[in-house]
Amino acid sequence: GMPAGLARSQPAPSTIYSKLSGARVKQQLETLIAQMVEKGIVFDEACQEFERQFLRQVLERNRGNQSHAARELGMHRNTLRRKLIELRLNKRRARRPAPRA
């Protein structure tokens, strides 16, 4: 099925292209998709990689602050946390308990 988040209300493609540099971006995206299809990359794989890259970018822009990143992404912080775990982007190391004296 479609990864959660992609099935929800997305802006129409024309809106995305109007925010970017239109025809050039559309051509780049079409070229990339054609290459992926030709190489046998399945839809779920492509969507996961897109989500991974998109979330990584927004997290970097927000210096790892998940609350700010979630707001920018238009999703709840808990949804972002779940996606980070699903996509194995949760880089937080397990904290070791402080040694007892």
N, C-alpha and C. Protein backbone atom coordinates (compact mmCIF):
# COMPACT_ATOMS: atom_id res chain seq x y z
N GLY A 1 0.82 -1.20 0.00
CA GLY A 1 0.00 0.00 0.00
C GLY A 1 0.85 1.25 0.00
N MET A 2 0.19 2.36 -0.01
CA MET A 2 0.88 3.66 -0.02
C MET A 2 1.36 3.99 1.39
N PRO A 3 2.60 4.44 1.56
CA PRO A 3 3.08 4.80 2.89
C PRO A 3 2.19 5.86 3.53
N ALA A 4 2.00 5.71 4.83
CA ALA A 4 1.19 6.70 5.56
C ALA A 4 1.77 8.08 5.32
N GLY A 5 0.91 9.05 5.17
CA GLY A 5 1.39 10.40 4.94
C GLY A 5 1.28 10.78 3.48
N LEU A 6 1.53 9.82 2.57
CA LEU A 6 1.41 10.12 1.16
C LEU A 6 -0.04 10.02 0.72
N ALA A 7 -0.82 9.19 1.41
CA ALA A 7 -2.22 9.00 1.04
C ALA A 7 -3.07 10.18 1.51
N ARG A 8 -2.56 10.95 2.46
CA ARG A 8 -3.33 12.08 2.99
C ARG A 8 -3.39 13.22 2.00
N SER A 9 -3.98 14.30 2.44
CA SER A 9 -4.19 15.44 1.54
C SER A 9 -2.87 16.05 1.11
N GLN A 10 -2.49 15.79 -0.14
CA GLN A 10 -1.30 16.40 -0.68
C GLN A 10 -1.75 17.55 -1.57
N PRO A 11 -0.90 18.57 -1.69
CA PRO A 11 -1.24 19.63 -2.64
C PRO A 11 -1.21 19.05 -4.05
N ALA A 12 -2.01 19.60 -4.93
CA ALA A 12 -2.02 19.16 -6.33
C ALA A 12 -0.63 19.41 -6.91
N PRO A 13 -0.17 18.53 -7.80
CA PRO A 13 1.17 18.72 -8.38
C PRO A 13 1.41 20.12 -8.94
N SER A 14 0.38 20.72 -9.54
CA SER A 14 0.56 22.07 -10.10
C SER A 14 0.98 23.05 -9.00
N THR A 15 0.48 22.86 -7.77
CA THR A 15 0.85 23.71 -6.64
C THR A 15 2.32 23.51 -6.29
N ILE A 16 2.77 22.27 -6.27
CA ILE A 16 4.17 21.96 -5.97
C ILE A 16 5.07 22.63 -7.01
N TYR A 17 4.75 22.47 -8.28
CA TYR A 17 5.59 23.03 -9.33
C TYR A 17 5.57 24.55 -9.36
N SER A 18 4.45 25.14 -8.94
CA SER A 18 4.41 26.61 -8.91
C SER A 18 5.29 27.14 -7.79
N LYS A 19 5.46 26.36 -6.71
CA LYS A 19 6.33 26.78 -5.61
C LYS A 19 7.80 26.58 -5.96
N LEU A 20 8.06 25.64 -6.86
CA LEU A 20 9.43 25.37 -7.30
C LEU A 20 9.63 26.06 -8.64
N SER A 21 10.67 25.66 -9.37
CA SER A 21 10.89 26.31 -10.66
C SER A 21 10.23 25.53 -11.79
N GLY A 22 8.94 25.25 -11.60
CA GLY A 22 8.04 24.69 -12.60
C GLY A 22 8.52 23.59 -13.50
N ALA A 23 8.60 23.88 -14.78
CA ALA A 23 8.86 22.88 -15.83
C ALA A 23 10.18 22.15 -15.61
N ARG A 24 11.21 22.86 -15.16
CA ARG A 24 12.53 22.25 -14.96
C ARG A 24 12.45 21.16 -13.89
N VAL A 25 11.79 21.46 -12.77
CA VAL A 25 11.66 20.50 -11.67
C VAL A 25 10.82 19.31 -12.13
N LYS A 26 9.74 19.60 -12.87
CA LYS A 26 8.88 18.53 -13.37
C LYS A 26 9.68 17.60 -14.27
N GLN A 27 10.52 18.15 -15.13
CA GLN A 27 11.35 17.35 -16.04
C GLN A 27 12.35 16.51 -15.24
N GLN A 28 12.99 17.10 -14.22
CA GLN A 28 13.95 16.37 -13.39
C GLN A 28 13.26 15.21 -12.69
N LEU A 29 12.06 15.46 -12.16
CA LEU A 29 11.32 14.42 -11.46
C LEU A 29 10.93 13.30 -12.42
N GLU A 30 10.45 13.66 -13.61
CA GLU A 30 10.07 12.65 -14.62
C GLU A 30 11.28 11.80 -15.01
N THR A 31 12.45 12.43 -15.17
CA THR A 31 13.68 11.72 -15.52
C THR A 31 14.07 10.74 -14.41
N LEU A 32 14.03 11.22 -13.19
CA LEU A 32 14.37 10.38 -12.03
C LEU A 32 13.43 9.18 -11.94
N ILE A 33 12.14 9.43 -12.07
CA ILE A 33 11.15 8.35 -11.98
C ILE A 33 11.36 7.35 -13.11
N ALA A 34 11.62 7.83 -14.32
CA ALA A 34 11.86 6.93 -15.45
C ALA A 34 13.06 6.03 -15.18
N GLN A 35 14.13 6.58 -14.60
CA GLN A 35 15.32 5.79 -14.27
C GLN A 35 15.00 4.74 -13.21
N MET A 36 14.22 5.14 -12.20
CA MET A 36 13.86 4.20 -11.12
C MET A 36 13.02 3.06 -11.66
N VAL A 37 12.03 3.38 -12.50
CA VAL A 37 11.17 2.36 -13.09
C VAL A 37 12.01 1.41 -13.95
N GLU A 38 12.90 1.99 -14.76
CA GLU A 38 13.76 1.19 -15.63
C GLU A 38 14.65 0.23 -14.84
N LYS A 39 15.10 0.65 -13.67
CA LYS A 39 15.98 -0.18 -12.84
C LYS A 39 15.21 -1.14 -11.94
N GLY A 40 13.88 -1.14 -12.05
CA GLY A 40 13.08 -2.10 -11.29
C GLY A 40 12.84 -1.72 -9.84
N ILE A 41 12.95 -0.45 -9.51
CA ILE A 41 12.67 -0.01 -8.14
C ILE A 41 11.16 0.04 -7.96
N VAL A 42 10.67 -0.68 -6.95
CA VAL A 42 9.22 -0.76 -6.74
C VAL A 42 8.72 0.50 -6.04
N PHE A 43 7.42 0.75 -6.19
CA PHE A 43 6.78 1.96 -5.70
C PHE A 43 7.04 2.20 -4.21
N ASP A 44 6.85 1.17 -3.38
CA ASP A 44 7.05 1.33 -1.93
C ASP A 44 8.48 1.75 -1.60
N GLU A 45 9.45 1.15 -2.30
CA GLU A 45 10.86 1.50 -2.11
C GLU A 45 11.10 2.97 -2.45
N ALA A 46 10.55 3.39 -3.58
CA ALA A 46 10.72 4.76 -4.05
C ALA A 46 10.11 5.74 -3.05
N CYS A 47 8.91 5.43 -2.56
CA CYS A 47 8.22 6.30 -1.59
C CYS A 47 9.00 6.37 -0.28
N GLN A 48 9.49 5.23 0.18
CA GLN A 48 10.27 5.23 1.42
C GLN A 48 11.52 6.08 1.30
N GLU A 49 12.21 5.96 0.17
CA GLU A 49 13.43 6.75 -0.03
C GLU A 49 13.11 8.24 -0.10
N PHE A 50 12.01 8.58 -0.78
CA PHE A 50 11.60 9.97 -0.86
C PHE A 50 11.31 10.51 0.54
N GLU A 51 10.53 9.76 1.33
CA GLU A 51 10.20 10.19 2.69
C GLU A 51 11.46 10.35 3.54
N ARG A 52 12.36 9.36 3.43
CA ARG A 52 13.61 9.38 4.20
C ARG A 52 14.40 10.66 3.89
N GLN A 53 14.58 10.95 2.61
CA GLN A 53 15.35 12.14 2.20
C GLN A 53 14.65 13.43 2.62
N PHE A 54 13.33 13.48 2.44
CA PHE A 54 12.55 14.68 2.76
C PHE A 54 12.62 14.96 4.26
N LEU A 55 12.39 13.93 5.08
CA LEU A 55 12.42 14.11 6.54
C LEU A 55 13.82 14.48 7.01
N ARG A 56 14.85 13.84 6.43
CA ARG A 56 16.23 14.15 6.81
C ARG A 56 16.54 15.63 6.54
N GLN A 57 16.13 16.12 5.37
CA GLN A 57 16.36 17.53 5.02
C GLN A 57 15.69 18.47 6.02
N VAL A 58 14.42 18.21 6.31
CA VAL A 58 13.68 19.11 7.21
C VAL A 58 14.26 19.04 8.62
N LEU A 59 14.65 17.86 9.06
CA LEU A 59 15.30 17.74 10.39
C LEU A 59 16.61 18.52 10.43
N GLU A 60 17.40 18.43 9.37
CA GLU A 60 18.66 19.18 9.33
C GLU A 60 18.40 20.68 9.38
N ARG A 61 17.39 21.14 8.62
CA ARG A 61 17.03 22.57 8.62
C ARG A 61 16.63 23.05 10.01
N ASN A 62 16.10 22.13 10.82
CA ASN A 62 15.64 22.46 12.17
C ASN A 62 16.60 21.97 13.24
N ARG A 63 17.85 21.72 12.84
CA ARG A 63 18.92 21.27 13.74
C ARG A 63 18.49 20.10 14.64
N GLY A 64 17.71 19.17 14.06
CA GLY A 64 17.31 17.98 14.79
C GLY A 64 16.11 18.18 15.72
N ASN A 65 15.59 19.41 15.79
CA ASN A 65 14.44 19.67 16.66
C ASN A 65 13.18 19.08 16.03
N GLN A 66 12.71 17.98 16.60
CA GLN A 66 11.60 17.25 16.01
C GLN A 66 10.28 18.01 16.09
N SER A 67 10.08 18.79 17.14
CA SER A 67 8.83 19.58 17.24
C SER A 67 8.77 20.62 16.14
N HIS A 68 9.88 21.32 15.91
CA HIS A 68 9.91 22.33 14.85
C HIS A 68 9.80 21.68 13.47
N ALA A 69 10.50 20.56 13.28
CA ALA A 69 10.45 19.84 12.00
C ALA A 69 9.03 19.37 11.72
N ALA A 70 8.37 18.81 12.72
CA ALA A 70 6.99 18.32 12.54
C ALA A 70 6.07 19.45 12.14
N ARG A 71 6.23 20.61 12.77
CA ARG A 71 5.40 21.78 12.44
C ARG A 71 5.62 22.17 10.98
N GLU A 72 6.90 22.21 10.56
CA GLU A 72 7.22 22.57 9.17
C GLU A 72 6.67 21.54 8.19
N LEU A 73 6.65 20.27 8.60
CA LEU A 73 6.16 19.19 7.74
C LEU A 73 4.63 19.12 7.73
N GLY A 74 3.98 19.83 8.65
CA GLY A 74 2.52 19.80 8.72
C GLY A 74 2.00 18.51 9.32
N MET A 75 2.76 17.94 10.27
CA MET A 75 2.32 16.71 10.93
C MET A 75 2.54 16.82 12.43
N HIS A 76 1.90 15.95 13.19
CA HIS A 76 2.08 15.94 14.64
C HIS A 76 3.45 15.36 14.97
N ARG A 77 4.03 15.82 16.04
CA ARG A 77 5.36 15.35 16.46
C ARG A 77 5.39 13.84 16.63
N ASN A 78 4.32 13.26 17.20
CA ASN A 78 4.28 11.80 17.39
C ASN A 78 4.28 11.06 16.05
N THR A 79 3.63 11.64 15.05
CA THR A 79 3.63 11.04 13.71
C THR A 79 5.04 11.06 13.14
N LEU A 80 5.73 12.19 13.32
CA LEU A 80 7.12 12.30 12.85
C LEU A 80 7.99 11.26 13.55
N ARG A 81 7.85 11.14 14.88
CA ARG A 81 8.65 10.16 15.63
C ARG A 81 8.42 8.75 15.10
N ARG A 82 7.15 8.40 14.85
CA ARG A 82 6.81 7.07 14.34
C ARG A 82 7.45 6.85 12.98
N LYS A 83 7.38 7.87 12.11
CA LYS A 83 7.98 7.76 10.78
C LYS A 83 9.50 7.60 10.87
N LEU A 84 10.13 8.33 11.79
CA LEU A 84 11.58 8.23 11.94
C LEU A 84 11.98 6.82 12.36
N ILE A 85 11.17 6.20 13.22
CA ILE A 85 11.43 4.83 13.64
C ILE A 85 11.20 3.88 12.47
N GLU A 86 10.08 4.03 11.77
CA GLU A 86 9.75 3.19 10.60
C GLU A 86 10.85 3.25 9.55
N LEU A 87 11.35 4.45 9.29
CA LEU A 87 12.35 4.66 8.24
C LEU A 87 13.78 4.51 8.76
N ARG A 88 13.90 4.11 10.02
CA ARG A 88 15.20 3.92 10.68
C ARG A 88 16.05 5.19 10.63
N LEU A 89 15.40 6.32 10.89
CA LEU A 89 16.13 7.59 10.94
C LEU A 89 16.30 8.09 12.38
N ASN A 90 15.82 7.30 13.34
CA ASN A 90 15.92 7.70 14.74
C ASN A 90 17.34 7.44 15.21
N LYS A 91 18.15 8.49 15.18
CA LYS A 91 19.58 8.34 15.45
C LYS A 91 19.92 8.42 16.94
N ARG A 92 18.89 8.71 17.75
CA ARG A 92 19.18 8.82 19.19
C ARG A 92 19.69 7.49 19.73
N ARG A 93 20.80 7.54 20.41
CA ARG A 93 21.35 6.33 21.01
C ARG A 93 20.59 6.08 22.31
N ALA A 94 20.46 4.82 22.63
CA ALA A 94 19.81 4.49 23.91
C ALA A 94 20.67 5.04 25.04
N ARG A 95 20.05 5.73 25.93
CA ARG A 95 20.81 6.31 27.05
C ARG A 95 21.10 5.23 28.07
N ARG A 96 22.34 5.22 28.49
CA ARG A 96 22.72 4.27 29.53
C ARG A 96 22.36 4.88 30.87
N PRO A 97 21.81 4.06 31.77
CA PRO A 97 21.53 4.62 33.10
C PRO A 97 22.84 5.03 33.77
N ALA A 98 22.76 6.06 34.57
CA ALA A 98 23.95 6.54 35.29
C ALA A 98 24.43 5.42 36.22
N PRO A 99 25.75 5.22 36.27
CA PRO A 99 26.26 4.15 37.17
C PRO A 99 25.93 4.49 38.62
N ARG A 100 25.54 3.46 39.35
CA ARG A 100 25.19 3.69 40.77
C ARG A 100 26.44 3.68 41.62
N ALA A 101 26.45 4.56 42.58
CA ALA A 101 27.63 4.72 43.46
C ALA A 101 27.71 3.59 44.47
